[in-house]
Protein backbone atom coordinates (compact mmCIF):
# COMPACT_ATOMS: atom_id res chain seq x y z
CA UNK A 1 0.00 0.00 0.00
CA UNK A 2 2.99 2.36 0.19
CA UNK A 3 2.52 3.86 -3.30
CA UNK A 4 -1.19 4.41 -2.68
CA UNK A 5 -0.30 6.20 0.54
CA UNK A 6 2.23 8.34 -1.32
CA UNK A 7 -0.49 9.37 -3.77
CA UNK A 8 -2.99 10.31 -1.06
CA UNK A 9 -3.09 13.50 0.99
CA UNK A 10 -5.76 14.65 3.44
CA UNK A 11 -8.12 15.59 0.58
CA UNK A 12 -8.04 12.72 -1.88
CA UNK A 13 -6.09 10.49 -4.27
CA UNK A 14 -3.98 12.22 -6.91
CA UNK A 15 -4.87 11.08 -10.41
CA UNK A 16 -1.50 11.19 -12.21
CA UNK A 17 2.15 10.46 -11.53
CA UNK A 18 5.43 11.23 -13.23
CA UNK A 19 7.33 8.07 -12.48
CA UNK A 20 6.32 7.27 -8.93
CA UNK A 21 5.76 10.89 -7.84
CA UNK A 22 2.27 12.41 -7.77
CA UNK A 23 1.58 15.22 -10.24
CA UNK A 24 -0.33 17.28 -7.73
CA UNK A 25 -1.10 20.03 -10.20
CA UNK A 26 -3.50 17.64 -11.98
CA UNK A 27 -5.61 17.19 -8.85
CA UNK A 28 -8.02 14.43 -8.02
CA UNK A 29 -11.04 12.70 -9.57
CA UNK A 30 -13.97 10.67 -8.26
CA UNK A 31 -13.28 7.90 -10.80
CA UNK A 32 -10.06 6.98 -9.00
CA UNK A 33 -11.21 7.72 -5.47
CA UNK A 34 -14.21 5.43 -5.96
CA UNK A 35 -11.96 2.67 -7.31
CA UNK A 36 -9.82 3.14 -4.22
CA UNK A 37 -12.80 2.62 -1.93
CA UNK A 38 -13.75 -0.60 -3.72
CA UNK A 39 -10.22 -2.01 -3.52
CA UNK A 40 -9.72 -1.11 0.14
CA UNK A 41 -13.14 -2.22 1.36
CA UNK A 42 -12.63 -5.63 -0.20
CA UNK A 43 -9.59 -6.11 2.03
CA UNK A 44 -11.77 -5.94 5.18
CA UNK A 45 -8.65 -4.66 6.92
CA UNK A 46 -8.56 -3.10 10.39
CA UNK A 47 -5.13 -1.64 9.67
CA UNK A 48 -5.13 2.03 10.76
CA UNK A 49 -3.43 3.14 7.53
CA UNK A 50 -6.08 1.45 5.40
CA UNK A 51 -8.83 2.96 7.52
CA UNK A 52 -7.23 6.40 7.17
CA UNK A 53 -7.23 6.11 3.39
CA UNK A 54 -10.84 4.95 3.42
CA UNK A 55 -11.85 7.88 5.61
CA UNK A 56 -10.23 10.34 3.18
CA UNK A 57 -11.77 8.69 0.12
CA UNK A 58 -15.28 8.39 1.58
CA UNK A 59 -15.19 12.03 2.66
CA UNK A 60 -14.14 13.00 -0.87
CA UNK A 61 -17.07 11.06 -2.37
CA UNK A 62 -19.50 12.61 0.09
CA UNK A 63 -18.38 16.11 -0.92
CA UNK A 64 -18.73 15.24 -4.61
CA UNK A 65 -22.47 14.56 -4.32
CA UNK A 66 -25.01 17.31 -4.91
CA UNK A 67 -28.49 17.52 -3.38
CA UNK A 68 -30.01 15.59 -6.31
CA UNK A 69 -27.47 12.79 -6.02
CA UNK A 70 -25.47 13.75 -9.09
CA UNK A 71 -21.68 13.63 -8.81
CA UNK A 72 -18.90 16.10 -9.61
CA UNK A 73 -15.76 14.39 -10.85
CA UNK A 74 -12.68 16.62 -10.88
CA UNK A 75 -11.20 18.64 -8.04
CA UNK A 76 -8.11 20.82 -8.03
CA UNK A 77 -5.32 20.84 -5.47
CA UNK A 78 -6.80 24.00 -3.91
CA UNK A 79 -10.06 22.16 -3.17
CA UNK A 80 -12.25 23.62 -5.93
CA UNK A 81 -14.51 21.37 -7.93
CA UNK A 82 -13.82 21.79 -11.63
CA UNK A 83 -16.72 19.96 -13.23
CA UNK A 84 -20.49 20.14 -13.07
CA UNK A 85 -22.52 17.39 -11.36
CA UNK A 86 -23.59 14.65 -13.76
CA UNK A 87 -24.45 10.96 -14.07
CA UNK A 88 -21.43 9.96 -16.15
CA UNK A 89 -19.06 7.10 -15.30
CA UNK A 90 -17.88 8.72 -12.07
CA UNK A 91 -21.50 8.72 -10.81
CA UNK A 92 -21.68 4.99 -11.48
CA UNK A 93 -18.34 4.35 -9.81
CA UNK A 94 -19.38 6.37 -6.74
CA UNK A 95 -22.44 4.12 -6.42
CA UNK A 96 -20.18 1.09 -6.80
CA UNK A 97 -17.99 2.41 -3.97
CA UNK A 98 -20.93 3.15 -1.67
CA UNK A 99 -22.52 -0.22 -2.40
CA UNK A 100 -19.23 -1.99 -1.68
CA UNK A 101 -18.96 -0.08 1.58
CA UNK A 102 -22.48 -1.13 2.57
CA UNK A 103 -21.51 -4.77 2.03
CA UNK A 104 -17.90 -4.87 3.20
CA UNK A 105 -17.47 -2.21 5.85
CA UNK A 106 -16.83 -3.50 9.33
CA UNK A 107 -17.66 -0.04 10.68
CA UNK A 108 -21.41 0.26 11.28
CA UNK A 109 -21.57 4.03 11.02
CA UNK A 110 -19.49 3.99 7.84
CA UNK A 111 -21.83 1.49 6.21
CA UNK A 112 -24.94 3.41 7.27
CA UNK A 113 -23.63 6.69 5.83
CA UNK A 114 -22.69 4.95 2.59
CA UNK A 115 -26.21 3.54 2.30
CA UNK A 116 -27.70 7.03 2.65
CA UNK A 117 -25.40 8.32 -0.11
CA UNK A 118 -26.20 5.31 -2.26
CA UNK A 119 -29.95 5.83 -1.90
CA UNK A 120 -29.73 9.46 -2.98
CA UNK A 121 -27.60 8.89 -6.08
CA UNK A 122 -29.39 5.66 -7.04
CA UNK A 123 -32.56 7.62 -7.75
CA UNK A 124 -30.82 9.04 -10.83
CA UNK A 125 -30.24 7.34 -14.15
CA UNK A 126 -27.54 7.77 -16.77
CA UNK A 127 -27.97 7.71 -20.56
CA UNK A 128 -24.66 5.83 -20.82
CA UNK A 129 -24.53 2.02 -20.67
CA UNK A 130 -21.23 1.74 -18.80
CA UNK A 131 -22.20 4.38 -16.27
CA UNK A 132 -25.31 2.34 -15.52
CA UNK A 133 -23.20 -0.83 -15.38
CA UNK A 134 -20.83 0.62 -12.77
CA UNK A 135 -23.85 1.76 -10.75
CA UNK A 136 -25.32 -1.74 -11.04
CA UNK A 137 -22.20 -3.20 -9.42
CA UNK A 138 -22.98 -1.07 -6.39
CA UNK A 139 -26.63 -2.11 -6.46
CA UNK A 140 -25.57 -5.76 -6.48
CA UNK A 141 -23.38 -5.22 -3.42
CA UNK A 142 -26.31 -3.68 -1.56
CA UNK A 143 -28.57 -6.59 -2.54
CA UNK A 144 -26.07 -9.06 -1.10
CA UNK A 145 -26.77 -7.69 2.39
CA UNK A 146 -30.23 -6.18 1.85
CA UNK A 147 -32.06 -8.65 -0.43
CA UNK A 148 -35.06 -7.09 -2.10
CA UNK A 149 -33.97 -3.50 -1.44
CA UNK A 150 -36.32 -1.56 -3.71
CA UNK A 151 -33.97 1.19 -4.87
CA UNK A 152 -31.07 -1.21 -5.56
CA UNK A 153 -33.37 -3.68 -7.34
CA UNK A 154 -34.82 -1.01 -9.62
CA UNK A 155 -31.37 0.33 -10.44
CA UNK A 156 -30.13 -3.15 -11.34
CA UNK A 157 -33.21 -3.78 -13.50
CA UNK A 158 -32.72 -0.50 -15.34
CA UNK A 159 -29.02 -1.25 -15.89
CA UNK A 160 -29.94 -4.55 -17.51
CA UNK A 161 -32.44 -2.74 -19.72
CA UNK A 162 -29.71 -0.30 -20.77
CA UNK A 163 -27.65 -3.12 -22.32
CA UNK A 164 -28.86 -3.44 -25.91
CA UNK A 165 -29.35 -6.72 -27.71
CA UNK A 166 -26.40 -7.99 -29.72
CA UNK A 167 -25.73 -5.83 -32.75
CA UNK A 168 -25.79 -8.52 -35.44
CA UNK A 169 -25.70 -12.23 -36.08
CA UNK A 170 -22.23 -13.57 -35.44
CA UNK A 171 -21.24 -10.60 -33.23
CA UNK A 172 -22.08 -11.37 -29.63
CA UNK A 173 -21.24 -7.98 -28.18
CA UNK A 174 -24.01 -5.36 -27.64
CA UNK A 175 -21.88 -2.62 -29.22
CA UNK A 176 -20.26 -2.37 -32.63
CA UNK A 177 -16.84 -1.98 -30.99
CA UNK A 178 -15.15 -3.04 -27.76
CA UNK A 179 -14.03 0.05 -25.87
CA UNK A 180 -13.02 0.18 -22.18
CA UNK A 181 -13.66 -1.81 -18.98
CA UNK A 182 -15.53 -4.20 -21.25
CA UNK A 183 -15.94 -7.08 -18.81
CA UNK A 184 -18.23 -4.99 -16.63
CA UNK A 185 -21.04 -5.64 -19.15
CA UNK A 186 -21.13 -9.46 -18.82
CA UNK A 187 -20.54 -9.09 -15.08
CA UNK A 188 -23.70 -7.00 -14.72
CA UNK A 189 -25.66 -9.52 -16.79
CA UNK A 190 -24.49 -12.30 -14.46
CA UNK A 191 -25.28 -10.31 -11.32
CA UNK A 192 -28.64 -9.25 -12.66
CA UNK A 193 -29.45 -12.85 -13.49
CA UNK A 194 -28.43 -13.92 -9.98
CA UNK A 195 -30.30 -11.28 -7.98
CA UNK A 196 -33.37 -11.05 -10.19
CA UNK A 197 -33.56 -14.80 -10.87
CA UNK A 198 -33.23 -14.34 -14.62
CA UNK A 199 -31.38 -17.37 -15.86
CA UNK A 200 -31.36 -16.09 -19.44
CA UNK A 201 -29.37 -13.02 -18.43
CA UNK A 202 -26.97 -15.09 -16.36
CA UNK A 203 -26.30 -17.49 -19.23
CA UNK A 204 -25.78 -14.61 -21.64
CA UNK A 205 -23.31 -12.96 -19.26
CA UNK A 206 -21.29 -16.16 -18.91
CA UNK A 207 -21.30 -16.66 -22.68
CA UNK A 208 -20.18 -13.07 -23.32
CA UNK A 209 -17.42 -13.27 -20.72
CA UNK A 210 -16.07 -16.48 -22.21
CA UNK A 211 -16.06 -14.86 -25.66
CA UNK A 212 -14.32 -11.76 -24.27
CA UNK A 213 -11.61 -13.92 -22.73
CA UNK A 214 -11.05 -15.73 -26.03
CA UNK A 215 -10.74 -12.45 -27.93
CA UNK A 216 -8.11 -11.21 -25.46
CA UNK A 217 -5.90 -14.29 -25.31
CA UNK A 218 -2.62 -14.60 -27.21
CA UNK A 219 -1.26 -18.10 -26.76
CA UNK A 220 -1.06 -18.72 -23.01
CA UNK A 221 -1.37 -15.11 -21.83
CA UNK A 222 -3.83 -12.24 -21.83
CA UNK A 223 -3.54 -9.65 -24.60
CA UNK A 224 -6.12 -6.97 -23.79
CA UNK A 225 -7.58 -4.81 -26.51
CA UNK A 226 -5.82 -1.45 -27.01
CA UNK A 227 -6.91 1.86 -25.52
CA UNK A 228 -8.61 2.91 -28.77
CA UNK A 229 -10.82 -0.18 -28.86
CA UNK A 230 -11.30 -3.13 -31.18
CA UNK A 231 -13.71 -4.39 -33.83
CA UNK A 232 -13.63 -7.68 -35.75
CA UNK A 233 -11.00 -7.43 -38.45
CA UNK A 234 -8.67 -5.19 -36.44
CA UNK A 235 -5.22 -6.70 -35.94
CA UNK A 236 -4.31 -8.09 -32.51
CA UNK A 237 -2.19 -7.84 -30.49
CA UNK A 238 -2.34 -4.07 -30.44
CA UNK A 239 -1.21 -1.26 -28.12
CA UNK A 240 -1.45 0.65 -25.80
CA UNK A 241 -2.88 -1.95 -23.44
CA UNK A 242 -4.44 -0.66 -20.21
CA UNK A 243 -4.38 -2.36 -16.79
CA UNK A 244 -8.05 -1.45 -16.24
CA UNK A 245 -9.00 -4.06 -18.86
CA UNK A 246 -7.22 -6.78 -16.90
CA UNK A 247 -8.83 -5.65 -13.63
CA UNK A 248 -12.31 -5.70 -15.18
CA UNK A 249 -11.70 -9.22 -16.51
CA UNK A 250 -10.53 -10.45 -13.10
CA UNK A 251 -13.59 -8.97 -11.37
CA UNK A 252 -15.97 -10.54 -13.88
CA UNK A 253 -14.24 -13.91 -13.60
CA UNK A 254 -14.52 -13.68 -9.81
CA UNK A 255 -18.27 -13.17 -10.14
CA UNK A 256 -18.51 -16.04 -12.65
CA UNK A 257 -16.68 -18.35 -10.26
CA UNK A 258 -18.92 -17.36 -7.35
CA UNK A 259 -21.96 -18.27 -9.47
CA UNK A 260 -20.69 -21.46 -11.12
CA UNK A 261 -17.68 -22.77 -9.10
CA UNK A 262 -16.15 -23.62 -12.49
CA UNK A 263 -12.32 -23.58 -12.31
CA UNK A 264 -12.11 -22.04 -15.78
CA UNK A 265 -12.81 -18.70 -14.12
CA UNK A 266 -10.25 -19.06 -11.32
CA UNK A 267 -7.62 -19.98 -13.91
CA UNK A 268 -8.41 -16.76 -15.76
CA UNK A 269 -7.93 -14.77 -12.56
CA UNK A 270 -4.47 -16.27 -12.19
CA UNK A 271 -3.71 -15.33 -15.81
CA UNK A 272 -4.82 -11.77 -15.04
CA UNK A 273 -2.26 -11.57 -12.26
CA UNK A 274 0.38 -13.14 -14.48
CA UNK A 275 -0.16 -10.32 -17.00
CA UNK A 276 1.14 -7.89 -14.37
CA UNK A 277 3.93 -10.32 -13.53
CA UNK A 278 5.31 -10.19 -17.09
CA UNK A 279 3.28 -12.85 -18.90
CA UNK A 280 2.10 -10.41 -21.54
CA UNK A 281 2.80 -9.47 -25.16
CA UNK A 282 6.10 -7.76 -24.30
CA UNK A 283 7.31 -9.91 -21.43
CA UNK A 284 7.48 -6.80 -19.23
CA UNK A 285 6.57 -6.69 -15.53
CA UNK A 286 3.70 -4.21 -15.07
CA UNK A 287 3.83 -3.74 -11.30
CA UNK A 288 6.15 -2.93 -8.45
CA UNK A 289 5.37 -5.62 -5.89
CA UNK A 290 7.35 -3.84 -3.18
CA UNK A 291 5.30 -0.63 -3.33
CA UNK A 292 2.02 -1.82 -4.85
CA UNK A 293 2.37 0.49 -7.85
CA UNK A 294 1.03 -0.37 -11.29
CA UNK A 295 2.48 0.97 -14.54
CA UNK A 296 0.29 3.09 -16.78
CA UNK A 297 0.14 0.94 -19.88
CA UNK A 298 1.86 -1.61 -22.07
CA UNK A 299 3.07 0.05 -25.26
CA UNK A 300 4.69 -1.14 -28.47
CA UNK A 301 8.05 -0.19 -26.93
CA UNK A 302 7.48 -1.59 -23.45
CA UNK A 303 5.76 -0.17 -20.40
CA UNK A 304 4.78 3.38 -19.56
CA UNK A 305 6.92 4.11 -16.50
CA UNK A 306 4.36 6.31 -14.77
CA UNK A 307 2.46 4.89 -11.78
CA UNK A 308 -0.91 6.64 -11.92
CA UNK A 309 -3.91 5.93 -9.70
CA UNK A 310 -5.96 3.95 -12.22
CA UNK A 311 -3.17 1.50 -13.03
CA UNK A 312 -2.09 1.17 -9.41
CA UNK A 313 -5.61 0.36 -8.26
CA UNK A 314 -6.04 -2.06 -11.17
CA UNK A 315 -2.94 -3.94 -10.02
CA UNK A 316 -4.00 -3.96 -6.35
CA UNK A 317 -7.46 -5.17 -7.32
CA UNK A 318 -6.13 -8.05 -9.41
CA UNK A 319 -3.58 -8.98 -6.74
CA UNK A 320 -6.40 -9.17 -4.20
CA UNK A 321 -8.55 -11.34 -6.49
CA UNK A 322 -5.60 -13.64 -7.20
CA UNK A 323 -4.87 -13.98 -3.50
CA UNK A 324 -8.47 -14.91 -2.74
CA UNK A 325 -8.51 -17.55 -5.45
CA UNK A 326 -5.03 -18.90 -4.80
CA UNK A 327 -6.48 -22.11 -3.38
CA UNK A 328 -9.26 -22.48 -5.91
CA UNK A 329 -9.32 -25.65 -8.06
CA UNK A 330 -7.06 -25.32 -11.12
């Protein structure tokens, strides 16, 4: 956790780094702070340093929320918010963070406050599929501890409805192009199928995730789609490859394993960790195990040496998933 601590002050989590040093002039964003909450809450750690980070991040999220439950994303080093409240991806990720806190927090007051924030923001809807998908992850977490919760159930139902039918015969994906954090879409289908007892959605989510894994395999290792996306016919492997894609795959495979107990999914989680450990298209280690830092992308020429928040949290998330499934059947 040392790099995450280096990137965090008493306000929030700095978004960018030059090397391993925070670029404080670029400020903070809810996208990363919310990811930080999810990663840390999953640890269920009583460590004072972890609890300090969580306190900072949850306070940041609370201040980002307006009276209608919309979320402001960017904040400067002097404390000013630099964007208008909206229901874009950062709104969805804030709901994911609050939902995870409701489920995972060992601090009763912390969980209760998160539930209040969740309820307010969950009354909104986003016109963007991925924003709704991130929000649905939070709704699923709430439903794990509060089955039948009306607000969380309706949000999850509406997120499922926001995922369009497949675009054409022979193309399983609901969009014409893979873009970013793609595995969140089949994960939401699986979770929706589980909580709403819709076996058709669950089967579709498992099918889509398996297809997504096949698309992003190169021999015996993961080869995630590049930052500018992928459509059938585009050449793979391609660059720059982003750690967030690997983290989304590991999360979705974790959900698939929880639902099916099929070792195919635990094996994929191990492959996700191996990508950071150098089993990738360039044979380059993408993490600093000693500090917990992740590198900002795998390029044609090797790795991006910067250790920004998104890549660091992606690495920590995958390391946590791999640790949990270390004893799972191979």
